[in-house]
N, C-alpha and C. Protein backbone atom coordinates (compact mmCIF):
# COMPACT_ATOMS: atom_id res chain seq x y z
N UNK A 1 -98.02 -15.61 -94.60
CA UNK A 1 -98.16 -15.13 -93.22
C UNK A 1 -99.41 -14.55 -93.31
N UNK A 2 -99.48 -14.70 -91.82
CA UNK A 2 -100.94 -14.64 -91.41
C UNK A 2 -101.69 -12.68 -92.13
N UNK A 3 -100.62 -11.83 -91.82
CA UNK A 3 -100.48 -10.76 -91.96
C UNK A 3 -99.37 -10.54 -91.97
N UNK A 4 -99.41 -9.29 -93.09
CA UNK A 4 -97.51 -8.89 -93.62
C UNK A 4 -97.24 -8.51 -92.48
N UNK A 5 -95.80 -8.65 -91.77
CA UNK A 5 -95.56 -7.70 -90.76
C UNK A 5 -95.85 -5.84 -90.67
N UNK A 6 -95.28 -5.50 -92.03
CA UNK A 6 -95.85 -4.02 -92.38
C UNK A 6 -96.97 -3.76 -91.66
N UNK A 7 -98.08 -4.23 -92.67
CA UNK A 7 -99.40 -4.06 -91.88
C UNK A 7 -99.98 -3.93 -90.08
N UNK A 8 -98.90 -4.98 -90.24
CA UNK A 8 -99.46 -5.13 -88.20
C UNK A 8 -98.51 -3.45 -88.27
N UNK A 9 -97.37 -3.34 -88.21
CA UNK A 9 -96.98 -2.35 -87.93
C UNK A 9 -97.41 -0.90 -87.54
N UNK A 10 -98.68 -0.89 -88.78
CA UNK A 10 -99.20 0.10 -89.07
C UNK A 10 -100.04 0.27 -88.48
N UNK A 11 -101.04 -0.83 -87.85
CA UNK A 11 -102.16 -1.47 -87.32
C UNK A 11 -101.67 -0.31 -85.77
N UNK A 12 -100.13 -0.90 -85.57
CA UNK A 12 -99.83 -0.82 -83.60
C UNK A 12 -99.86 1.19 -83.94
N UNK A 13 -98.84 1.42 -85.37
CA UNK A 13 -99.11 2.86 -85.14
C UNK A 13 -100.21 3.55 -85.21
N UNK A 14 -101.43 3.54 -85.84
CA UNK A 14 -102.82 4.12 -85.90
C UNK A 14 -103.22 3.71 -85.08
N UNK A 15 -103.39 2.47 -83.90
CA UNK A 15 -104.06 2.65 -82.05
C UNK A 15 -103.14 3.97 -81.24
N UNK A 16 -102.05 3.89 -81.77
CA UNK A 16 -101.23 4.65 -81.17
C UNK A 16 -101.64 6.01 -81.14
N UNK A 17 -101.78 6.69 -82.15
CA UNK A 17 -101.86 7.98 -82.96
C UNK A 17 -103.79 8.58 -82.54
N UNK A 18 -104.54 7.35 -82.68
CA UNK A 18 -105.61 7.32 -82.11
C UNK A 18 -105.53 7.93 -80.63
N UNK A 19 -104.84 6.67 -79.71
CA UNK A 19 -105.48 7.25 -78.47
C UNK A 19 -104.64 8.64 -77.87
N UNK A 20 -103.31 8.90 -78.59
CA UNK A 20 -102.59 10.09 -77.86
C UNK A 20 -104.04 10.91 -78.95
N UNK A 21 -104.56 10.88 -79.65
CA UNK A 21 -105.98 11.99 -79.73
C UNK A 21 -106.61 11.98 -78.69
N UNK A 22 -107.30 11.01 -78.47
CA UNK A 22 -108.04 10.83 -77.23
C UNK A 22 -107.74 11.51 -75.65
N UNK A 23 -106.22 11.13 -76.02
CA UNK A 23 -105.20 11.57 -74.01
C UNK A 23 -104.34 12.07 -74.60
N UNK A 24 -104.25 13.20 -75.00
CA UNK A 24 -102.71 13.45 -74.88
C UNK A 24 -101.65 13.92 -74.08
N UNK A 25 -102.39 13.43 -73.35
CA UNK A 25 -101.62 13.40 -71.09
C UNK A 25 -101.05 11.98 -71.46
N UNK A 26 -101.34 10.85 -72.00
CA UNK A 26 -100.70 9.30 -71.60
C UNK A 26 -100.06 9.94 -73.71
N UNK A 27 -98.73 9.64 -72.99
CA UNK A 27 -97.56 8.83 -73.92
C UNK A 27 -97.52 7.46 -74.32
N UNK A 28 -97.38 6.71 -75.66
CA UNK A 28 -97.12 5.92 -75.60
C UNK A 28 -96.57 5.61 -76.86
N UNK A 29 -95.10 4.68 -76.44
CA UNK A 29 -93.92 4.93 -77.45
C UNK A 29 -94.41 4.00 -78.90
N UNK A 30 -93.49 5.30 -79.92
CA UNK A 30 -93.74 4.16 -81.17
C UNK A 30 -92.65 3.35 -81.48
N UNK A 31 -92.67 2.06 -81.83
CA UNK A 31 -91.54 1.11 -81.59
C UNK A 31 -91.87 -0.12 -81.50
N UNK A 32 -90.81 -1.15 -82.98
CA UNK A 32 -91.55 -2.71 -82.49
C UNK A 32 -89.96 -3.18 -82.50
N UNK A 33 -90.03 -4.81 -81.94
CA UNK A 33 -88.88 -5.12 -81.86
C UNK A 33 -89.33 -6.16 -83.34
N UNK A 34 -88.99 -6.20 -84.33
CA UNK A 34 -89.27 -6.47 -85.85
C UNK A 34 -88.84 -8.17 -85.72
N UNK A 35 -88.24 -8.19 -84.45
CA UNK A 35 -87.48 -9.89 -85.35
C UNK A 35 -88.92 -10.93 -84.21
N UNK A 36 -88.87 -10.25 -83.35
CA UNK A 36 -90.15 -10.46 -82.27
C UNK A 36 -91.50 -10.48 -82.38
N UNK A 37 -92.31 -9.67 -82.97
CA UNK A 37 -92.58 -9.71 -84.26
C UNK A 37 -92.89 -10.66 -85.72
N UNK A 38 -91.53 -10.81 -86.23
CA UNK A 38 -91.57 -12.01 -86.98
C UNK A 38 -91.73 -13.62 -86.57
N UNK A 39 -91.59 -12.96 -85.42
CA UNK A 39 -91.53 -14.65 -84.84
C UNK A 39 -93.13 -14.98 -84.17
N UNK A 40 -93.32 -14.37 -84.22
CA UNK A 40 -95.46 -14.27 -83.42
C UNK A 40 -96.08 -14.15 -84.37
N UNK A 41 -96.06 -13.51 -85.73
CA UNK A 41 -96.77 -13.87 -87.23
C UNK A 41 -96.61 -15.59 -87.53
N UNK A 42 -94.96 -15.62 -87.68
CA UNK A 42 -94.90 -17.47 -88.35
C UNK A 42 -95.14 -18.20 -87.09
N UNK A 43 -95.22 -18.06 -86.12
CA UNK A 43 -96.04 -18.99 -84.66
C UNK A 43 -97.49 -19.09 -85.42
N UNK A 44 -97.81 -17.47 -85.11
CA UNK A 44 -99.60 -17.47 -84.83
C UNK A 44 -99.71 -18.26 -86.62
N UNK A 45 -98.92 -18.25 -88.02
CA UNK A 45 -99.75 -18.81 -88.90
C UNK A 45 -99.50 -20.56 -89.18
N UNK A 46 -98.48 -21.00 -88.22
CA UNK A 46 -98.02 -22.51 -87.93
C UNK A 46 -98.93 -23.23 -86.85
N UNK A 47 -100.03 -22.34 -86.09
CA UNK A 47 -101.71 -23.31 -85.87
C UNK A 47 -102.06 -23.66 -86.45
N UNK A 48 -102.89 -24.41 -86.38
CA UNK A 48 -103.96 -25.95 -86.70
C UNK A 48 -104.95 -25.25 -86.91
N UNK A 49 -105.72 -24.23 -87.95
CA UNK A 49 -106.96 -23.84 -88.16
C UNK A 49 -107.18 -22.48 -87.10
N UNK A 50 -108.20 -21.71 -87.98
CA UNK A 50 -108.53 -20.95 -87.71
C UNK A 50 -108.27 -20.30 -87.05
N UNK A 51 -109.58 -20.79 -85.59
CA UNK A 51 -109.43 -20.18 -84.79
C UNK A 51 -108.32 -20.52 -83.70
N UNK A 52 -107.45 -21.31 -83.80
CA UNK A 52 -106.15 -21.53 -83.47
C UNK A 52 -105.04 -20.38 -83.61
N UNK A 53 -105.34 -19.49 -85.13
CA UNK A 53 -104.10 -19.20 -85.14
C UNK A 53 -104.84 -17.39 -85.26
N UNK A 54 -106.05 -17.53 -84.80
CA UNK A 54 -106.67 -16.17 -84.02
C UNK A 54 -106.31 -15.60 -82.83
N UNK A 55 -106.87 -16.46 -81.87
CA UNK A 55 -106.35 -16.60 -80.64
C UNK A 55 -104.96 -16.51 -79.90
N UNK A 56 -104.46 -17.29 -81.15
CA UNK A 56 -102.28 -17.25 -80.96
C UNK A 56 -101.54 -15.77 -80.94
N UNK A 57 -102.67 -15.37 -82.77
CA UNK A 57 -102.35 -14.40 -82.69
C UNK A 57 -102.30 -13.27 -81.69
N UNK A 58 -104.09 -12.76 -81.14
CA UNK A 58 -104.08 -12.06 -80.13
C UNK A 58 -103.10 -12.04 -78.77
N UNK A 59 -103.32 -13.17 -78.22
CA UNK A 59 -102.64 -13.84 -76.89
C UNK A 59 -101.05 -13.19 -77.22
N UNK A 60 -100.09 -13.47 -78.86
CA UNK A 60 -99.00 -13.99 -78.63
C UNK A 60 -98.48 -12.40 -78.57
N UNK A 61 -99.34 -11.56 -79.52
CA UNK A 61 -98.42 -10.06 -79.06
C UNK A 61 -98.83 -9.12 -77.77
N UNK A 62 -100.40 -9.64 -76.73
CA UNK A 62 -100.14 -9.44 -75.49
C UNK A 62 -99.70 -9.67 -74.65
N UNK A 63 -98.98 -11.02 -75.01
CA UNK A 63 -97.58 -11.41 -74.06
C UNK A 63 -96.62 -10.95 -73.88
N UNK A 64 -96.15 -10.68 -75.55
CA UNK A 64 -94.65 -10.93 -76.46
C UNK A 64 -93.97 -9.18 -76.00
N UNK A 65 -95.54 -8.74 -76.60
CA UNK A 65 -95.42 -7.16 -76.00
C UNK A 65 -94.11 -6.68 -77.05
N UNK A 66 -94.55 -6.86 -78.40
CA UNK A 66 -93.29 -6.68 -79.47
C UNK A 66 -93.46 -5.21 -80.03
N UNK A 67 -94.36 -4.37 -79.20
CA UNK A 67 -94.42 -2.47 -79.36
C UNK A 67 -94.03 -1.93 -78.12
N UNK A 68 -93.64 -0.56 -78.20
CA UNK A 68 -93.72 -0.14 -77.11
C UNK A 68 -94.71 0.23 -76.33
N UNK A 69 -95.77 0.26 -76.75
CA UNK A 69 -97.35 0.29 -76.69
C UNK A 69 -98.71 -0.16 -77.56
N UNK A 70 -99.58 -0.41 -76.98
CA UNK A 70 -100.76 -0.73 -77.39
C UNK A 70 -101.27 -2.47 -77.89
N UNK A 71 -100.18 -2.67 -77.22
CA UNK A 71 -99.58 -4.57 -77.34
C UNK A 71 -101.11 -5.15 -77.92
N UNK A 72 -101.72 -5.11 -76.61
CA UNK A 72 -103.52 -5.93 -76.38
C UNK A 72 -104.11 -5.02 -77.24
N UNK A 73 -104.49 -4.18 -77.73
CA UNK A 73 -104.91 -3.31 -78.57
C UNK A 73 -104.58 -3.55 -80.30
N UNK A 74 -103.63 -3.72 -80.46
CA UNK A 74 -102.91 -4.14 -81.10
C UNK A 74 -103.24 -6.23 -81.86
N UNK A 75 -102.97 -6.70 -80.99
CA UNK A 75 -102.89 -8.01 -81.15
C UNK A 75 -104.49 -8.51 -81.57
N UNK A 76 -105.33 -7.41 -80.71
CA UNK A 76 -107.10 -7.71 -80.51
C UNK A 76 -107.21 -7.45 -82.43
N UNK A 77 -106.38 -6.15 -82.79
CA UNK A 77 -107.20 -5.54 -84.11
C UNK A 77 -106.44 -6.29 -85.36
N UNK A 78 -105.46 -6.76 -84.86
CA UNK A 78 -105.09 -8.00 -85.48
C UNK A 78 -105.54 -9.08 -86.09
N UNK A 79 -105.89 -10.20 -84.88
CA UNK A 79 -106.82 -10.74 -84.84
C UNK A 79 -108.32 -10.82 -85.57
N UNK A 80 -109.19 -9.49 -85.73
CA UNK A 80 -110.11 -8.89 -86.67
C UNK A 80 -109.60 -9.12 -88.11
N UNK A 81 -108.81 -8.09 -88.59
CA UNK A 81 -108.54 -8.13 -89.36
C UNK A 81 -108.40 -9.44 -90.50
N UNK A 82 -107.51 -10.46 -89.39
CA UNK A 82 -107.53 -11.72 -90.20
C UNK A 82 -108.24 -12.09 -91.00
N UNK A 83 -109.09 -12.08 -90.03
CA UNK A 83 -110.60 -13.33 -89.29
C UNK A 83 -111.63 -12.17 -91.17
N UNK A 84 -111.70 -11.18 -90.48
CA UNK A 84 -112.41 -10.46 -91.82
C UNK A 84 -111.54 -10.58 -93.07
N UNK A 85 -110.47 -10.73 -93.29
CA UNK A 85 -109.75 -11.11 -94.54
C UNK A 85 -109.85 -12.80 -94.97
N UNK A 86 -110.51 -13.56 -93.44
CA UNK A 86 -110.68 -14.64 -94.25
C UNK A 86 -112.55 -14.92 -94.66
N UNK A 87 -112.96 -13.97 -94.37
CA UNK A 87 -114.60 -13.82 -94.58
C UNK A 87 -115.93 -13.89 -93.46
N UNK A 88 -114.80 -13.61 -92.14
CA UNK A 88 -115.41 -14.25 -90.62
C UNK A 88 -115.49 -12.81 -89.79
N UNK A 89 -115.82 -12.56 -88.59
CA UNK A 89 -115.44 -11.60 -87.91
C UNK A 89 -115.85 -12.12 -86.72
N UNK A 90 -115.40 -11.43 -85.10
CA UNK A 90 -115.95 -11.66 -83.93
C UNK A 90 -117.32 -10.84 -83.69
N UNK A 91 -118.01 -11.38 -83.30
CA UNK A 91 -118.94 -10.20 -82.87
C UNK A 91 -119.19 -10.04 -81.08
N UNK A 92 -118.26 -8.80 -80.80
CA UNK A 92 -119.09 -8.64 -79.21
C UNK A 92 -119.47 -7.58 -79.13
N UNK A 93 -120.36 -7.69 -78.14
CA UNK A 93 -121.25 -7.66 -78.04
C UNK A 93 -122.06 -6.04 -76.45
N UNK A 94 -121.52 -7.30 -75.98
CA UNK A 94 -121.31 -6.09 -74.57
C UNK A 94 -120.34 -5.65 -73.69
N UNK A 95 -120.59 -4.85 -72.55
CA UNK A 95 -119.32 -4.10 -71.75
C UNK A 95 -118.88 -5.77 -71.35
N UNK A 96 -119.40 -6.49 -70.84
CA UNK A 96 -118.66 -7.51 -70.31
C UNK A 96 -117.94 -8.78 -70.95
N UNK A 97 -118.58 -8.56 -72.38
CA UNK A 97 -117.41 -9.08 -73.30
C UNK A 97 -115.96 -8.63 -73.14
N UNK A 98 -115.99 -7.54 -73.76
CA UNK A 98 -115.41 -6.79 -73.56
C UNK A 98 -114.02 -6.48 -72.77
N UNK A 99 -114.89 -6.59 -71.47
CA UNK A 99 -114.12 -6.74 -70.51
C UNK A 99 -113.22 -7.69 -69.85
N UNK A 100 -114.29 -8.72 -70.08
CA UNK A 100 -113.77 -10.69 -69.91
C UNK A 100 -112.32 -10.03 -70.98
N UNK A 101 -112.10 -10.12 -72.39
CA UNK A 101 -110.99 -10.48 -73.08
C UNK A 101 -110.26 -8.96 -72.80
N UNK A 102 -110.08 -8.20 -72.39
CA UNK A 102 -108.88 -7.08 -71.56
C UNK A 102 -108.61 -8.44 -70.46
N UNK A 103 -109.11 -8.85 -69.77
CA UNK A 103 -109.14 -9.69 -68.36
C UNK A 103 -107.99 -10.76 -69.22
N UNK A 104 -108.58 -11.40 -69.84
CA UNK A 104 -107.68 -12.65 -70.33
C UNK A 104 -106.36 -11.56 -71.13
N UNK A 105 -106.32 -10.78 -71.74
CA UNK A 105 -105.12 -10.38 -72.37
C UNK A 105 -104.27 -9.28 -71.48
N UNK A 106 -105.16 -8.96 -69.63
CA UNK A 106 -103.50 -8.86 -69.25
C UNK A 106 -103.88 -10.08 -68.15
N UNK A 107 -104.58 -11.05 -68.21
CA UNK A 107 -103.38 -12.42 -67.16
C UNK A 107 -102.58 -12.92 -68.22
N UNK A 108 -103.04 -13.62 -69.94
CA UNK A 108 -102.06 -14.03 -70.08
C UNK A 108 -100.77 -13.06 -70.07
N UNK A 109 -100.28 -11.62 -69.56
CA UNK A 109 -98.61 -11.21 -70.33
C UNK A 109 -98.89 -11.02 -68.89
N UNK A 110 -99.30 -11.59 -67.61
CA UNK A 110 -98.64 -11.47 -66.76
C UNK A 110 -97.79 -12.36 -66.40
N UNK A 111 -97.87 -13.78 -67.48
CA UNK A 111 -96.80 -15.00 -66.69
C UNK A 111 -95.84 -14.71 -68.06
N UNK A 112 -94.48 -14.17 -67.39
CA UNK A 112 -93.84 -13.67 -68.24
C UNK A 112 -92.78 -14.71 -69.26
N UNK A 113 -93.29 -15.89 -68.09
CA UNK A 113 -91.94 -16.42 -68.76
C UNK A 113 -92.45 -17.41 -69.98
N UNK A 114 -93.81 -17.61 -69.71
CA UNK A 114 -93.90 -18.28 -71.11
C UNK A 114 -95.43 -18.25 -71.76
N UNK A 115 -96.19 -18.21 -72.57
CA UNK A 115 -97.85 -17.76 -73.09
C UNK A 115 -98.15 -18.81 -71.85
N UNK A 116 -99.36 -18.69 -71.57
CA UNK A 116 -99.99 -19.59 -70.38
C UNK A 116 -100.91 -20.33 -71.33
N UNK A 117 -100.62 -21.81 -71.23
CA UNK A 117 -101.63 -22.88 -71.76
C UNK A 117 -103.15 -22.48 -71.27
N UNK A 118 -103.49 -22.44 -70.01
CA UNK A 118 -104.50 -22.27 -69.95
C UNK A 118 -105.33 -21.25 -69.95
N UNK A 119 -104.91 -19.87 -70.14
CA UNK A 119 -105.49 -18.85 -70.56
C UNK A 119 -105.30 -18.48 -71.83
N UNK A 120 -104.70 -19.42 -73.07
CA UNK A 120 -104.64 -19.63 -74.29
C UNK A 120 -105.86 -20.13 -74.60
N UNK A 121 -105.82 -21.15 -74.09
CA UNK A 121 -107.64 -21.92 -73.57
C UNK A 121 -108.16 -20.83 -74.13
N UNK A 122 -108.78 -19.99 -72.38
CA UNK A 122 -109.93 -19.64 -72.53
C UNK A 122 -110.29 -18.05 -73.70
N UNK A 123 -109.09 -17.97 -74.27
CA UNK A 123 -109.25 -16.83 -75.21
C UNK A 123 -109.50 -17.99 -76.93
N UNK A 124 -109.12 -19.20 -76.84
CA UNK A 124 -109.37 -19.64 -78.09
C UNK A 124 -110.98 -19.72 -77.67
N UNK A 125 -111.61 -20.69 -76.74
CA UNK A 125 -113.07 -20.38 -76.34
C UNK A 125 -114.09 -19.36 -75.99
N UNK A 126 -113.19 -17.95 -75.77
CA UNK A 126 -114.45 -17.21 -76.54
C UNK A 126 -114.02 -16.00 -77.80
N UNK A 127 -112.95 -16.87 -78.63
CA UNK A 127 -112.89 -16.37 -80.14
C UNK A 127 -113.91 -17.49 -80.41
N UNK A 128 -113.72 -19.02 -80.26
CA UNK A 128 -115.25 -19.81 -80.93
C UNK A 128 -116.33 -19.67 -80.60
N UNK A 129 -116.79 -18.65 -79.68
CA UNK A 129 -118.01 -18.49 -79.01
C UNK A 129 -118.56 -17.74 -80.22
N UNK A 130 -117.45 -16.28 -80.74
CA UNK A 130 -118.21 -15.05 -81.14
C UNK A 130 -117.64 -14.41 -82.18
N UNK A 131 -117.25 -15.80 -83.15
CA UNK A 131 -117.23 -15.80 -84.41
C UNK A 131 -117.91 -16.49 -85.56
N UNK A 132 -118.16 -15.09 -86.21
CA UNK A 132 -119.34 -16.00 -87.05
C UNK A 132 -118.58 -14.96 -88.78
N UNK A 133 -119.41 -15.76 -89.66
CA UNK A 133 -119.23 -16.15 -90.97
C UNK A 133 -119.52 -14.61 -91.97
N UNK A 134 -119.11 -13.44 -92.02
CA UNK A 134 -119.52 -12.29 -92.94
C UNK A 134 -120.69 -12.59 -93.96
């Protein structure tokens, strides 16, 4: 499996806890649809090539929303964690890069009926231009 389900859940919990500490007035629910998460991880693993797996993992978590909160942050963090396990990392150097990725992850979330292939292609391109070997 790309990442163990338990690890992804812990990543989400950690991100929500960190967000709560920074902004105590914003409460994000800690919950997970484990069946949906398993499906996401299985489908991500079936993608051909590292970049496709990473892009799909990030996009699918943002789109399918398996968690009560922090899905886009969890998608990105899981993608980065998986890359690092494989000896790579994403290099995001500017605020513009961060904002563009956020825009893509919001965009992928908007179309609720299916994972938008055009936006997924943009995420694949984004990842492919920013991946480096450790």
